[in-house]
Amino acid sequence: MQKLLSISFEGLPPTVNMMYRGLHGHRYKTKKTLDFQAGVVLNLRLAWKNRPPYEGRVALYITLTTADHRRWDVDNRLKALQDCFSKAGVIKDDSQIYGLHAEREDGTSNTTEIALFAK
């Protein structure tokens, strides 16, 4: 597989449970989610260097490194990240993601590493 890009940044994606809130029957993304996604989109755009969106199938490899030992599900933190790739113009739509590998590691700080490969 050909690596298309890789980025890493401090912090962890919000969980699906923390992504949305409801008010009067409507769901909306929380400020924390919007801020997180804006930062990731900026990093992705810088790494992608204004190339046109990749139109083929891709695979994501994600490593979530955490400094604490609280219980949380790895898959609960992936949706906020997947959405960023289309928002940044790296891919046309997150339905192009045909492979997804995610793991959690113990470390001294909270960091997220992402590599995108052509599939």
PDB file of N, CA and C in Angstrom:
ATOM      1  N   MET A   1       0.846  -1.193   0.000  1.00  0.00           N
ATOM      2  CA  MET A   1       0.000   0.000   0.000  1.00  0.00           C
ATOM      3  C   MET A   1       0.884   1.247   0.000  1.00  0.00           C
ATOM      4  N   GLN A   2       0.429   2.249  -0.699  1.00  0.00           N
ATOM      5  CA  GLN A   2       1.153   3.512  -0.781  1.00  0.00           C
ATOM      6  C   GLN A   2       0.657   4.458   0.306  1.00  0.00           C
ATOM      7  N   LYS A   3       1.584   5.005   1.097  1.00  0.00           N
ATOM      8  CA  LYS A   3       1.204   5.971   2.125  1.00  0.00           C
ATOM      9  C   LYS A   3       0.912   7.307   1.458  1.00  0.00           C
ATOM     10  N   LEU A   4      -0.272   7.846   1.737  1.00  0.00           N
ATOM     11  CA  LEU A   4      -0.674   9.123   1.175  1.00  0.00           C
ATOM     12  C   LEU A   4      -0.313  10.285   2.094  1.00  0.00           C
ATOM     13  N   LEU A   5      -0.443  10.090   3.396  1.00  0.00           N
ATOM     14  CA  LEU A   5      -0.054  11.118   4.361  1.00  0.00           C
ATOM     15  C   LEU A   5      -0.040  10.546   5.760  1.00  0.00           C
ATOM     16  N   SER A   6       0.614  11.269   6.657  1.00  0.00           N
ATOM     17  CA  SER A   6       0.560  10.927   8.077  1.00  0.00           C
ATOM     18  C   SER A   6       0.659  12.215   8.881  1.00  0.00           C
ATOM     19  N   ILE A   7      -0.069  12.252   9.984  1.00  0.00           N
ATOM     20  CA  ILE A   7      -0.026  13.391  10.899  1.00  0.00           C
ATOM     21  C   ILE A   7      -0.091  12.871  12.320  1.00  0.00           C
ATOM     22  N   SER A   8       0.355  13.680  13.239  1.00  0.00           N
ATOM     23  CA  SER A   8       0.183  13.388  14.666  1.00  0.00           C
ATOM     24  C   SER A   8      -0.068  14.713  15.372  1.00  0.00           C
ATOM     25  N   PHE A   9      -0.789  14.631  16.475  1.00  0.00           N
ATOM     26  CA  PHE A   9      -1.105  15.840  17.228  1.00  0.00           C
ATOM     27  C   PHE A   9      -1.403  15.471  18.676  1.00  0.00           C
ATOM     28  N   GLU A  10      -1.323  16.473  19.530  1.00  0.00           N
ATOM     29  CA  GLU A  10      -1.635  16.272  20.944  1.00  0.00           C
ATOM     30  C   GLU A  10      -3.137  16.152  21.112  1.00  0.00           C
ATOM     31  N   GLY A  11      -3.524  15.330  22.075  1.00  0.00           N
ATOM     32  CA  GLY A  11      -4.932  15.169  22.392  1.00  0.00           C
ATOM     33  C   GLY A  11      -5.546  13.947  21.743  1.00  0.00           C
ATOM     34  N   LEU A  12      -6.747  13.654  22.187  1.00  0.00           N
ATOM     35  CA  LEU A  12      -7.512  12.514  21.684  1.00  0.00           C
ATOM     36  C   LEU A  12      -8.823  13.006  21.103  1.00  0.00           C
ATOM     37  N   PRO A  13      -9.353  12.295  20.124  1.00  0.00           N
ATOM     38  CA  PRO A  13     -10.662  12.677  19.582  1.00  0.00           C
ATOM     39  C   PRO A  13     -11.751  12.525  20.633  1.00  0.00           C
ATOM     40  N   PRO A  14     -12.801  13.325  20.537  1.00  0.00           N
ATOM     41  CA  PRO A  14     -13.927  13.137  21.452  1.00  0.00           C
ATOM     42  C   PRO A  14     -14.627  11.808  21.165  1.00  0.00           C
ATOM     43  N   THR A  15     -15.241  11.251  22.169  1.00  0.00           N
ATOM     44  CA  THR A  15     -15.999  10.028  21.970  1.00  0.00           C
ATOM     45  C   THR A  15     -17.317  10.350  21.266  1.00  0.00           C
ATOM     46  N   VAL A  16     -17.933   9.359  20.680  1.00  0.00           N
ATOM     47  CA  VAL A  16     -19.233   9.554  20.028  1.00  0.00           C
ATOM     48  C   VAL A  16     -20.235  10.095  21.045  1.00  0.00           C
ATOM     49  N   ASN A  17     -20.158   9.634  22.279  1.00  0.00           N
ATOM     50  CA  ASN A  17     -21.080  10.091  23.320  1.00  0.00           C
ATOM     51  C   ASN A  17     -20.909  11.574  23.623  1.00  0.00           C
ATOM     52  N   MET A  18     -19.712  12.116  23.384  1.00  0.00           N
ATOM     53  CA  MET A  18     -19.440  13.526  23.663  1.00  0.00           C
ATOM     54  C   MET A  18     -19.533  14.397  22.410  1.00  0.00           C
ATOM     55  N   MET A  19     -19.723  13.788  21.235  1.00  0.00           N
ATOM     56  CA  MET A  19     -19.755  14.553  19.987  1.00  0.00           C
ATOM     57  C   MET A  19     -21.018  15.382  19.822  1.00  0.00           C
ATOM     58  N   TYR A  20     -22.127  14.859  20.282  1.00  0.00           N
ATOM     59  CA  TYR A  20     -23.411  15.489  20.004  1.00  0.00           C
ATOM     60  C   TYR A  20     -24.172  15.803  21.286  1.00  0.00           C
ATOM     61  N   ARG A  21     -25.005  16.817  21.202  1.00  0.00           N
ATOM     62  CA  ARG A  21     -25.951  17.156  22.250  1.00  0.00           C
ATOM     63  C   ARG A  21     -27.287  17.406  21.568  1.00  0.00           C
ATOM     64  N   GLY A  22     -28.337  17.308  22.338  1.00  0.00           N
ATOM     65  CA  GLY A  22     -29.667  17.532  21.783  1.00  0.00           C
ATOM     66  C   GLY A  22     -30.354  18.698  22.468  1.00  0.00           C
ATOM     67  N   LEU A  23     -31.157  19.407  21.691  1.00  0.00           N
ATOM     68  CA  LEU A  23     -31.931  20.511  22.221  1.00  0.00           C
ATOM     69  C   LEU A  23     -33.193  20.648  21.378  1.00  0.00           C
ATOM     70  N   HIS A  24     -34.334  20.551  22.019  1.00  0.00           N
ATOM     71  CA  HIS A  24     -35.625  20.706  21.338  1.00  0.00           C
ATOM     72  C   HIS A  24     -35.767  19.761  20.147  1.00  0.00           C
ATOM     73  N   GLY A  25     -35.317  18.531  20.304  1.00  0.00           N
ATOM     74  CA  GLY A  25     -35.467  17.528  19.265  1.00  0.00           C
ATOM     75  C   GLY A  25     -34.427  17.580  18.159  1.00  0.00           C
ATOM     76  N   HIS A  26     -33.444  18.456  18.273  1.00  0.00           N
ATOM     77  CA  HIS A  26     -32.384  18.561  17.261  1.00  0.00           C
ATOM     78  C   HIS A  26     -31.050  18.146  17.870  1.00  0.00           C
ATOM     79  N   ARG A  27     -30.253  17.475  17.052  1.00  0.00           N
ATOM     80  CA  ARG A  27     -28.902  17.110  17.480  1.00  0.00           C
ATOM     81  C   ARG A  27     -27.900  18.062  16.853  1.00  0.00           C
ATOM     82  N   TYR A  28     -26.901  18.439  17.626  1.00  0.00           N
ATOM     83  CA  TYR A  28     -25.854  19.290  17.090  1.00  0.00           C
ATOM     84  C   TYR A  28     -24.515  18.873  17.682  1.00  0.00           C
ATOM     85  N   LYS A  29     -23.458  19.188  16.956  1.00  0.00           N
ATOM     86  CA  LYS A  29     -22.120  18.875  17.445  1.00  0.00           C
ATOM     87  C   LYS A  29     -21.741  19.853  18.550  1.00  0.00           C
ATOM     88  N   THR A  30     -21.064  19.341  19.562  1.00  0.00           N
ATOM     89  CA  THR A  30     -20.639  20.183  20.675  1.00  0.00           C
ATOM     90  C   THR A  30     -19.487  21.094  20.233  1.00  0.00           C
ATOM     91  N   LYS A  31     -19.258  22.148  20.997  1.00  0.00           N
ATOM     92  CA  LYS A  31     -18.146  23.063  20.723  1.00  0.00           C
ATOM     93  C   LYS A  31     -16.824  22.314  20.778  1.00  0.00           C
ATOM     94  N   LYS A  32     -16.689  21.414  21.725  1.00  0.00           N
ATOM     95  CA  LYS A  32     -15.449  20.632  21.849  1.00  0.00           C
ATOM     96  C   LYS A  32     -15.198  19.833  20.555  1.00  0.00           C
ATOM     97  N   THR A  33     -16.233  19.230  20.015  1.00  0.00           N
ATOM     98  CA  THR A  33     -16.096  18.462  18.770  1.00  0.00           C
ATOM     99  C   THR A  33     -15.752  19.371  17.605  1.00  0.00           C
ATOM    100  N   LEU A  34     -16.440  20.490  17.479  1.00  0.00           N
ATOM    101  CA  LEU A  34     -16.180  21.425  16.384  1.00  0.00           C
ATOM    102  C   LEU A  34     -14.751  21.961  16.457  1.00  0.00           C
ATOM    103  N   ASP A  35     -14.283  22.305  17.654  1.00  0.00           N
ATOM    104  CA  ASP A  35     -12.920  22.794  17.829  1.00  0.00           C
ATOM    105  C   ASP A  35     -11.901  21.708  17.480  1.00  0.00           C
ATOM    106  N   PHE A  36     -12.154  20.493  17.952  1.00  0.00           N
ATOM    107  CA  PHE A  36     -11.255  19.380  17.650  1.00  0.00           C
ATOM    108  C   PHE A  36     -11.171  19.162  16.143  1.00  0.00           C
ATOM    109  N   GLN A  37     -12.332  19.076  15.492  1.00  0.00           N
ATOM    110  CA  GLN A  37     -12.343  18.816  14.057  1.00  0.00           C
ATOM    111  C   GLN A  37     -11.694  19.952  13.267  1.00  0.00           C
ATOM    112  N   ALA A  38     -11.877  21.188  13.688  1.00  0.00           N
ATOM    113  CA  ALA A  38     -11.255  22.317  12.991  1.00  0.00           C
ATOM    114  C   ALA A  38      -9.727  22.200  13.051  1.00  0.00           C
ATOM    115  N   GLY A  39      -9.193  21.810  14.189  1.00  0.00           N
ATOM    116  CA  GLY A  39      -7.749  21.637  14.315  1.00  0.00           C
ATOM    117  C   GLY A  39      -7.219  20.512  13.456  1.00  0.00           C
ATOM    118  N   VAL A  40      -7.924  19.392  13.437  1.00  0.00           N
ATOM    119  CA  VAL A  40      -7.498  18.246  12.625  1.00  0.00           C
ATOM    120  C   VAL A  40      -7.600  18.581  11.146  1.00  0.00           C
ATOM    121  N   VAL A  41      -8.673  19.239  10.739  1.00  0.00           N
ATOM    122  CA  VAL A  41      -8.847  19.622   9.336  1.00  0.00           C
ATOM    123  C   VAL A  41      -7.697  20.530   8.897  1.00  0.00           C
ATOM    124  N   LEU A  42      -7.313  21.481   9.735  1.00  0.00           N
ATOM    125  CA  LEU A  42      -6.202  22.362   9.405  1.00  0.00           C
ATOM    126  C   LEU A  42      -4.909  21.561   9.221  1.00  0.00           C
ATOM    127  N   ASN A  43      -4.623  20.654  10.147  1.00  0.00           N
ATOM    128  CA  ASN A  43      -3.424  19.808  10.038  1.00  0.00           C
ATOM    129  C   ASN A  43      -3.456  18.947   8.778  1.00  0.00           C
ATOM    130  N   LEU A  44      -4.613  18.392   8.460  1.00  0.00           N
ATOM    131  CA  LEU A  44      -4.736  17.564   7.253  1.00  0.00           C
ATOM    132  C   LEU A  44      -4.526  18.396   5.989  1.00  0.00           C
ATOM    133  N   ARG A  45      -5.107  19.590   5.946  1.00  0.00           N
ATOM    134  CA  ARG A  45      -4.930  20.450   4.765  1.00  0.00           C
ATOM    135  C   ARG A  45      -3.460  20.810   4.564  1.00  0.00           C
ATOM    136  N   LEU A  46      -2.769  21.111   5.652  1.00  0.00           N
ATOM    137  CA  LEU A  46      -1.344  21.437   5.554  1.00  0.00           C
ATOM    138  C   LEU A  46      -0.542  20.231   5.052  1.00  0.00           C
ATOM    139  N   ALA A  47      -0.872  19.049   5.552  1.00  0.00           N
ATOM    140  CA  ALA A  47      -0.162  17.838   5.133  1.00  0.00           C
ATOM    141  C   ALA A  47      -0.506  17.453   3.701  1.00  0.00           C
ATOM    142  N   TRP A  48      -1.732  17.724   3.260  1.00  0.00           N
ATOM    143  CA  TRP A  48      -2.195  17.337   1.922  1.00  0.00           C
ATOM    144  C   TRP A  48      -1.674  18.299   0.855  1.00  0.00           C
ATOM    145  N   LYS A  49      -1.342  19.522   1.243  1.00  0.00           N
ATOM    146  CA  LYS A  49      -0.695  20.511   0.370  1.00  0.00           C
ATOM    147  C   LYS A  49      -1.520  20.867  -0.867  1.00  0.00           C
ATOM    148  N   ASN A  50      -2.811  21.107  -0.661  1.00  0.00           N
ATOM    149  CA  ASN A  50      -3.711  21.593  -1.721  1.00  0.00           C
ATOM    150  C   ASN A  50      -3.831  20.681  -2.943  1.00  0.00           C
ATOM    151  N   ARG A  51      -3.556  19.424  -2.784  1.00  0.00           N
ATOM    152  CA  ARG A  51      -3.788  18.484  -3.889  1.00  0.00           C
ATOM    153  C   ARG A  51      -5.285  18.240  -4.007  1.00  0.00           C
ATOM    154  N   PRO A  52      -5.758  17.797  -5.159  1.00  0.00           N
ATOM    155  CA  PRO A  52      -7.184  17.465  -5.265  1.00  0.00           C
ATOM    156  C   PRO A  52      -7.512  16.252  -4.399  1.00  0.00           C
ATOM    157  N   PRO A  53      -8.763  16.099  -4.008  1.00  0.00           N
ATOM    158  CA  PRO A  53      -9.135  14.952  -3.171  1.00  0.00           C
ATOM    159  C   PRO A  53      -8.789  13.620  -3.841  1.00  0.00           C
ATOM    160  N   TYR A  54      -8.282  12.713  -3.047  1.00  0.00           N
ATOM    161  CA  TYR A  54      -8.006  11.364  -3.531  1.00  0.00           C
ATOM    162  C   TYR A  54      -9.348  10.674  -3.744  1.00  0.00           C
ATOM    163  N   GLU A  55      -9.510  10.000  -4.879  1.00  0.00           N
ATOM    164  CA  GLU A  55     -10.814   9.430  -5.208  1.00  0.00           C
ATOM    165  C   GLU A  55     -10.904   7.923  -5.055  1.00  0.00           C
ATOM    166  N   GLY A  56      -9.804   7.275  -4.740  1.00  0.00           N
ATOM    167  CA  GLY A  56      -9.820   5.824  -4.608  1.00  0.00           C
ATOM    168  C   GLY A  56     -10.110   5.366  -3.188  1.00  0.00           C
ATOM    169  N   ARG A  57     -10.031   4.066  -3.017  1.00  0.00           N
ATOM    170  CA  ARG A  57     -10.221   3.475  -1.689  1.00  0.00           C
ATOM    171  C   ARG A  57      -9.000   3.748  -0.819  1.00  0.00           C
ATOM    172  N   VAL A  58      -9.262   3.943   0.470  1.00  0.00           N
ATOM    173  CA  VAL A  58      -8.167   4.228   1.407  1.00  0.00           C
ATOM    174  C   VAL A  58      -8.296   3.367   2.656  1.00  0.00           C
ATOM    175  N   ALA A  59      -7.200   3.313   3.389  1.00  0.00           N
ATOM    176  CA  ALA A  59      -7.171   2.645   4.688  1.00  0.00           C
ATOM    177  C   ALA A  59      -6.566   3.618   5.697  1.00  0.00           C
ATOM    178  N   LEU A  60      -7.151   3.677   6.873  1.00  0.00           N
ATOM    179  CA  LEU A  60      -6.660   4.513   7.964  1.00  0.00           C
ATOM    180  C   LEU A  60      -6.018   3.646   9.028  1.00  0.00           C
ATOM    181  N   TYR A  61      -4.872   4.084   9.513  1.00  0.00           N
ATOM    182  CA  TYR A  61      -4.196   3.453  10.647  1.00  0.00           C
ATOM    183  C   TYR A  61      -4.072   4.513  11.729  1.00  0.00           C
ATOM    184  N   ILE A  62      -4.690   4.254  12.857  1.00  0.00           N
ATOM    185  CA  ILE A  62      -4.785   5.242  13.924  1.00  0.00           C
ATOM    186  C   ILE A  62      -4.215   4.650  15.210  1.00  0.00           C
ATOM    187  N   THR A  63      -3.353   5.426  15.864  1.00  0.00           N
ATOM    188  CA  THR A  63      -2.834   5.046  17.174  1.00  0.00           C
ATOM    189  C   THR A  63      -3.207   6.138  18.163  1.00  0.00           C
ATOM    190  N   LEU A  64      -3.942   5.762  19.191  1.00  0.00           N
ATOM    191  CA  LEU A  64      -4.337   6.670  20.261  1.00  0.00           C
ATOM    192  C   LEU A  64      -3.478   6.342  21.478  1.00  0.00           C
ATOM    193  N   THR A  65      -2.600   7.257  21.840  1.00  0.00           N
ATOM    194  CA  THR A  65      -1.731   7.055  22.994  1.00  0.00           C
ATOM    195  C   THR A  65      -2.307   7.845  24.148  1.00  0.00           C
ATOM    196  N   THR A  66      -2.444   7.192  25.291  1.00  0.00           N
ATOM    197  CA  THR A  66      -3.093   7.829  26.434  1.00  0.00           C
ATOM    198  C   THR A  66      -2.227   7.731  27.683  1.00  0.00           C
ATOM    199  N   ALA A  67      -2.244   8.814  28.453  1.00  0.00           N
ATOM    200  CA  ALA A  67      -1.448   8.874  29.675  1.00  0.00           C
ATOM    201  C   ALA A  67      -2.224   8.331  30.876  1.00  0.00           C
ATOM    202  N   ASP A  68      -3.521   8.189  30.748  1.00  0.00           N
ATOM    203  CA  ASP A  68      -4.305   7.686  31.881  1.00  0.00           C
ATOM    204  C   ASP A  68      -4.783   6.262  31.602  1.00  0.00           C
ATOM    205  N   HIS A  69      -5.342   5.652  32.594  1.00  0.00           N
ATOM    206  CA  HIS A  69      -5.794   4.266  32.449  1.00  0.00           C
ATOM    207  C   HIS A  69      -7.302   4.143  32.607  1.00  0.00           C
ATOM    208  N   ARG A  70      -8.009   5.256  32.309  1.00  0.00           N
ATOM    209  CA  ARG A  70      -9.467   5.191  32.376  1.00  0.00           C
ATOM    210  C   ARG A  70     -10.000   4.270  31.292  1.00  0.00           C
ATOM    211  N   ARG A  71     -11.173   3.739  31.521  1.00  0.00           N
ATOM    212  CA  ARG A  71     -11.792   2.837  30.544  1.00  0.00           C
ATOM    213  C   ARG A  71     -12.505   3.641  29.484  1.00  0.00           C
ATOM    214  N   TRP A  72     -12.214   3.335  28.229  1.00  0.00           N
ATOM    215  CA  TRP A  72     -12.959   3.869  27.095  1.00  0.00           C
ATOM    216  C   TRP A  72     -12.727   2.970  25.895  1.00  0.00           C
ATOM    217  N   ASP A  73     -13.678   2.999  24.985  1.00  0.00           N
ATOM    218  CA  ASP A  73     -13.623   2.155  23.798  1.00  0.00           C
ATOM    219  C   ASP A  73     -12.890   2.879  22.675  1.00  0.00           C
ATOM    220  N   VAL A  74     -11.953   2.213  22.053  1.00  0.00           N
ATOM    221  CA  VAL A  74     -11.193   2.793  20.946  1.00  0.00           C
ATOM    222  C   VAL A  74     -12.132   3.194  19.810  1.00  0.00           C
ATOM    223  N   ASP A  75     -13.049   2.318  19.438  1.00  0.00           N
ATOM    224  CA  ASP A  75     -13.920   2.604  18.295  1.00  0.00           C
ATOM    225  C   ASP A  75     -14.837   3.799  18.529  1.00  0.00           C
ATOM    226  N   ASN A  76     -15.070   4.157  19.771  1.00  0.00           N
ATOM    227  CA  ASN A  76     -15.920   5.291  20.100  1.00  0.00           C
ATOM    228  C   ASN A  76     -15.262   6.625  19.746  1.00  0.00           C
ATOM    229  N   ARG A  77     -13.970   6.615  19.479  1.00  0.00           N
ATOM    230  CA  ARG A  77     -13.239   7.850  19.200  1.00  0.00           C
ATOM    231  C   ARG A  77     -12.889   8.027  17.723  1.00  0.00           C
ATOM    232  N   LEU A  78     -13.357   7.143  16.862  1.00  0.00           N
ATOM    233  CA  LEU A  78     -12.925   7.171  15.470  1.00  0.00           C
ATOM    234  C   LEU A  78     -13.792   8.026  14.556  1.00  0.00           C
ATOM    235  N   LYS A  79     -15.071   8.135  14.835  1.00  0.00           N
ATOM    236  CA  LYS A  79     -15.996   8.839  13.938  1.00  0.00           C
ATOM    237  C   LYS A  79     -15.587  10.299  13.741  1.00  0.00           C
ATOM    238  N   ALA A  80     -15.221  10.980  14.812  1.00  0.00           N
ATOM    239  CA  ALA A  80     -14.837  12.391  14.689  1.00  0.00           C
ATOM    240  C   ALA A  80     -13.629  12.550  13.775  1.00  0.00           C
ATOM    241  N   LEU A  81     -12.722  11.581  13.795  1.00  0.00           N
ATOM    242  CA  LEU A  81     -11.538  11.629  12.931  1.00  0.00           C
ATOM    243  C   LEU A  81     -11.890  11.349  11.475  1.00  0.00           C
ATOM    244  N   GLN A  82     -12.696  10.337  11.245  1.00  0.00           N
ATOM    245  CA  GLN A  82     -13.033   9.951   9.876  1.00  0.00           C
ATOM    246  C   GLN A  82     -13.696  11.105   9.123  1.00  0.00           C
ATOM    247  N   ASP A  83     -14.556  11.840   9.771  1.00  0.00           N
ATOM    248  CA  ASP A  83     -15.246  12.962   9.139  1.00  0.00           C
ATOM    249  C   ASP A  83     -14.269  14.040   8.668  1.00  0.00           C
ATOM    250  N   CYS A  84     -13.153  14.181   9.345  1.00  0.00           N
ATOM    251  CA  CYS A  84     -12.201  15.249   9.031  1.00  0.00           C
ATOM    252  C   CYS A  84     -11.539  15.078   7.667  1.00  0.00           C
ATOM    253  N   PHE A  85     -11.381  13.853   7.205  1.00  0.00           N
ATOM    254  CA  PHE A  85     -10.685  13.630   5.941  1.00  0.00           C
ATOM    255  C   PHE A  85     -11.449  14.197   4.746  1.00  0.00           C
ATOM    256  N   SER A  86     -12.766  14.082   4.760  1.00  0.00           N
ATOM    257  CA  SER A  86     -13.540  14.680   3.669  1.00  0.00           C
ATOM    258  C   SER A  86     -13.672  16.186   3.870  1.00  0.00           C
ATOM    259  N   LYS A  87     -13.824  16.646   5.098  1.00  0.00           N
ATOM    260  CA  LYS A  87     -13.911  18.086   5.369  1.00  0.00           C
ATOM    261  C   LYS A  87     -12.640  18.814   4.936  1.00  0.00           C
ATOM    262  N   ALA A  88     -11.501  18.139   5.044  1.00  0.00           N
ATOM    263  CA  ALA A  88     -10.214  18.743   4.677  1.00  0.00           C
ATOM    264  C   ALA A  88      -9.922  18.636   3.189  1.00  0.00           C
ATOM    265  N   GLY A  89     -10.733  17.876   2.458  1.00  0.00           N
ATOM    266  CA  GLY A  89     -10.509  17.714   1.030  1.00  0.00           C
ATOM    267  C   GLY A  89      -9.441  16.693   0.689  1.00  0.00           C
ATOM    268  N   VAL A  90      -9.124  15.832   1.639  1.00  0.00           N
ATOM    269  CA  VAL A  90      -8.136  14.773   1.391  1.00  0.00           C
ATOM    270  C   VAL A  90      -8.781  13.655   0.575  1.00  0.00           C
ATOM    271  N   ILE A  91     -10.005  13.302   0.928  1.00  0.00           N
ATOM    272  CA  ILE A  91     -10.810  12.346   0.170  1.00  0.00           C
ATOM    273  C   ILE A  91     -12.160  13.009  -0.111  1.00  0.00           C
ATOM    274  N   LYS A  92     -12.906  12.458  -1.057  1.00  0.00           N
ATOM    275  CA  LYS A  92     -14.209  13.051  -1.375  1.00  0.00           C
ATOM    276  C   LYS A  92     -15.258  12.743  -0.312  1.00  0.00           C
ATOM    277  N   ASP A  93     -15.220  11.511   0.213  1.00  0.00           N
ATOM    278  CA  ASP A  93     -16.247  11.083   1.164  1.00  0.00           C
ATOM    279  C   ASP A  93     -15.669   9.987   2.051  1.00  0.00           C
ATOM    280  N   ASP A  94     -16.104   9.956   3.305  1.00  0.00           N
ATOM    281  CA  ASP A  94     -15.542   8.935   4.196  1.00  0.00           C
ATOM    282  C   ASP A  94     -16.030   7.525   3.870  1.00  0.00           C
ATOM    283  N   SER A  95     -16.927   7.394   2.884  1.00  0.00           N
ATOM    284  CA  SER A  95     -17.299   6.054   2.422  1.00  0.00           C
ATOM    285  C   SER A  95     -16.155   5.403   1.641  1.00  0.00           C
ATOM    286  N   GLN A  96     -15.131   6.164   1.282  1.00  0.00           N
ATOM    287  CA  GLN A  96     -13.953   5.629   0.605  1.00  0.00           C
ATOM    288  C   GLN A  96     -13.048   4.849   1.560  1.00  0.00           C
ATOM    289  N   ILE A  97     -13.304   4.953   2.845  1.00  0.00           N
ATOM    290  CA  ILE A  97     -12.475   4.264   3.836  1.00  0.00           C
ATOM    291  C   ILE A  97     -12.869   2.793   3.855  1.00  0.00           C
ATOM    292  N   TYR A  98     -12.036   1.961   3.253  1.00  0.00           N
ATOM    293  CA  TYR A  98     -12.296   0.530   3.143  1.00  0.00           C
ATOM    294  C   TYR A  98     -11.535  -0.266   4.191  1.00  0.00           C
ATOM    295  N   GLY A  99     -10.559   0.343   4.813  1.00  0.00           N
ATOM    296  CA  GLY A  99      -9.792  -0.325   5.859  1.00  0.00           C
ATOM    297  C   GLY A  99      -9.619   0.620   7.026  1.00  0.00           C
ATOM    298  N   LEU A 100      -9.732   0.074   8.215  1.00  0.00           N
ATOM    299  CA  LEU A 100      -9.613   0.884   9.413  1.00  0.00           C
ATOM    300  C   LEU A 100      -8.924   0.052  10.488  1.00  0.00           C
ATOM    301  N   HIS A 101      -7.755   0.499  10.891  1.00  0.00           N
ATOM    302  CA  HIS A 101      -7.013  -0.174  11.950  1.00  0.00           C
ATOM    303  C   HIS A 101      -6.769   0.850  13.049  1.00  0.00           C
ATOM    304  N   ALA A 102      -7.203   0.551  14.245  1.00  0.00           N
ATOM    305  CA  ALA A 102      -7.020   1.476  15.365  1.00  0.00           C
ATOM    306  C   ALA A 102      -6.535   0.710  16.577  1.00  0.00           C
ATOM    307  N   GLU A 103      -5.637   1.352  17.308  1.00  0.00           N
ATOM    308  CA  GLU A 103      -5.149   0.739  18.539  1.00  0.00           C
ATOM    309  C   GLU A 103      -4.892   1.808  19.579  1.00  0.00           C
ATOM    310  N   ARG A 104      -4.882   1.349  20.808  1.00  0.00           N
ATOM    311  CA  ARG A 104      -4.617   2.213  21.950  1.00  0.00           C
ATOM    312  C   ARG A 104      -3.305   1.772  22.575  1.00  0.00           C
ATOM    313  N   GLU A 105      -2.479   2.757  22.930  1.00  0.00           N
ATOM    314  CA  GLU A 105      -1.218   2.471  23.605  1.00  0.00           C
ATOM    315  C   GLU A 105      -1.121   3.303  24.870  1.00  0.00           C
ATOM    316  N   ASP A 106      -0.417   2.786  25.842  1.00  0.00           N
ATOM    317  CA  ASP A 106      -0.120   3.556  27.048  1.00  0.00           C
ATOM    318  C   ASP A 106       1.080   4.444  26.776  1.00  0.00           C
ATOM    319  N   GLY A 107       1.080   5.633  27.337  1.00  0.00           N
ATOM    320  CA  GLY A 107       2.188   6.556  27.150  1.00  0.00           C
ATOM    321  C   GLY A 107       2.228   7.594  28.246  1.00  0.00           C
ATOM    322  N   THR A 108       3.000   8.637  28.013  1.00  0.00           N
ATOM    323  CA  THR A 108       3.141   9.696  29.011  1.00  0.00           C
ATOM    324  C   THR A 108       2.290  10.916  28.692  1.00  0.00           C
ATOM    325  N   SER A 109       1.692  10.952  27.503  1.00  0.00           N
ATOM    326  CA  SER A 109       0.807  12.058  27.131  1.00  0.00           C
ATOM    327  C   SER A 109      -0.285  11.527  26.196  1.00  0.00           C
ATOM    328  N   ASN A 110      -1.323  12.324  26.004  1.00  0.00           N
ATOM    329  CA  ASN A 110      -2.408  11.960  25.095  1.00  0.00           C
ATOM    330  C   ASN A 110      -2.060  12.461  23.696  1.00  0.00           C
ATOM    331  N   THR A 111      -1.886  11.543  22.759  1.00  0.00           N
ATOM    332  CA  THR A 111      -1.571  11.908  21.386  1.00  0.00           C
ATOM    333  C   THR A 111      -2.340  11.014  20.416  1.00  0.00           C
ATOM    334  N   THR A 112      -2.520  11.535  19.214  1.00  0.00           N
ATOM    335  CA  THR A 112      -3.179  10.795  18.143  1.00  0.00           C
ATOM    336  C   THR A 112      -2.263  10.790  16.932  1.00  0.00           C
ATOM    337  N   GLU A 113      -2.036   9.615  16.372  1.00  0.00           N
ATOM    338  CA  GLU A 113      -1.242   9.472  15.153  1.00  0.00           C
ATOM    339  C   GLU A 113      -2.122   8.823  14.094  1.00  0.00           C
ATOM    340  N   ILE A 114      -2.083   9.374  12.888  1.00  0.00           N
ATOM    341  CA  ILE A 114      -2.918   8.861  11.799  1.00  0.00           C
ATOM    342  C   ILE A 114      -2.070   8.720  10.547  1.00  0.00           C
ATOM    343  N   ALA A 115      -2.202   7.591   9.885  1.00  0.00           N
ATOM    344  CA  ALA A 115      -1.585   7.380   8.580  1.00  0.00           C
ATOM    345  C   ALA A 115      -2.687   6.955   7.612  1.00  0.00           C
ATOM    346  N   LEU A 116      -2.661   7.543   6.418  1.00  0.00           N
ATOM    347  CA  LEU A 116      -3.639   7.244   5.380  1.00  0.00           C
ATOM    348  C   LEU A 116      -2.921   6.576   4.219  1.00  0.00           C
ATOM    349  N   PHE A 117      -3.448   5.438   3.792  1.00  0.00           N
ATOM    350  CA  PHE A 117      -2.848   4.669   2.704  1.00  0.00           C
ATOM    351  C   PHE A 117      -3.850   4.477   1.587  1.00  0.00           C
ATOM    352  N   ALA A 118      -3.339   4.458   0.349  1.00  0.00           N
ATOM    353  CA  ALA A 118      -4.165   4.056  -0.788  1.00  0.00           C
ATOM    354  C   ALA A 118      -4.372   2.560  -0.668  1.00  0.00           C
ATOM    355  N   LYS A 119      -5.563   2.083  -0.939  1.00  0.00           N
ATOM    356  CA  LYS A 119      -5.884   0.665  -0.777  1.00  0.00           C
ATOM    357  C   LYS A 119      -6.095   0.027  -2.138  1.00  0.00           C
TER     358      LYS A 119
END
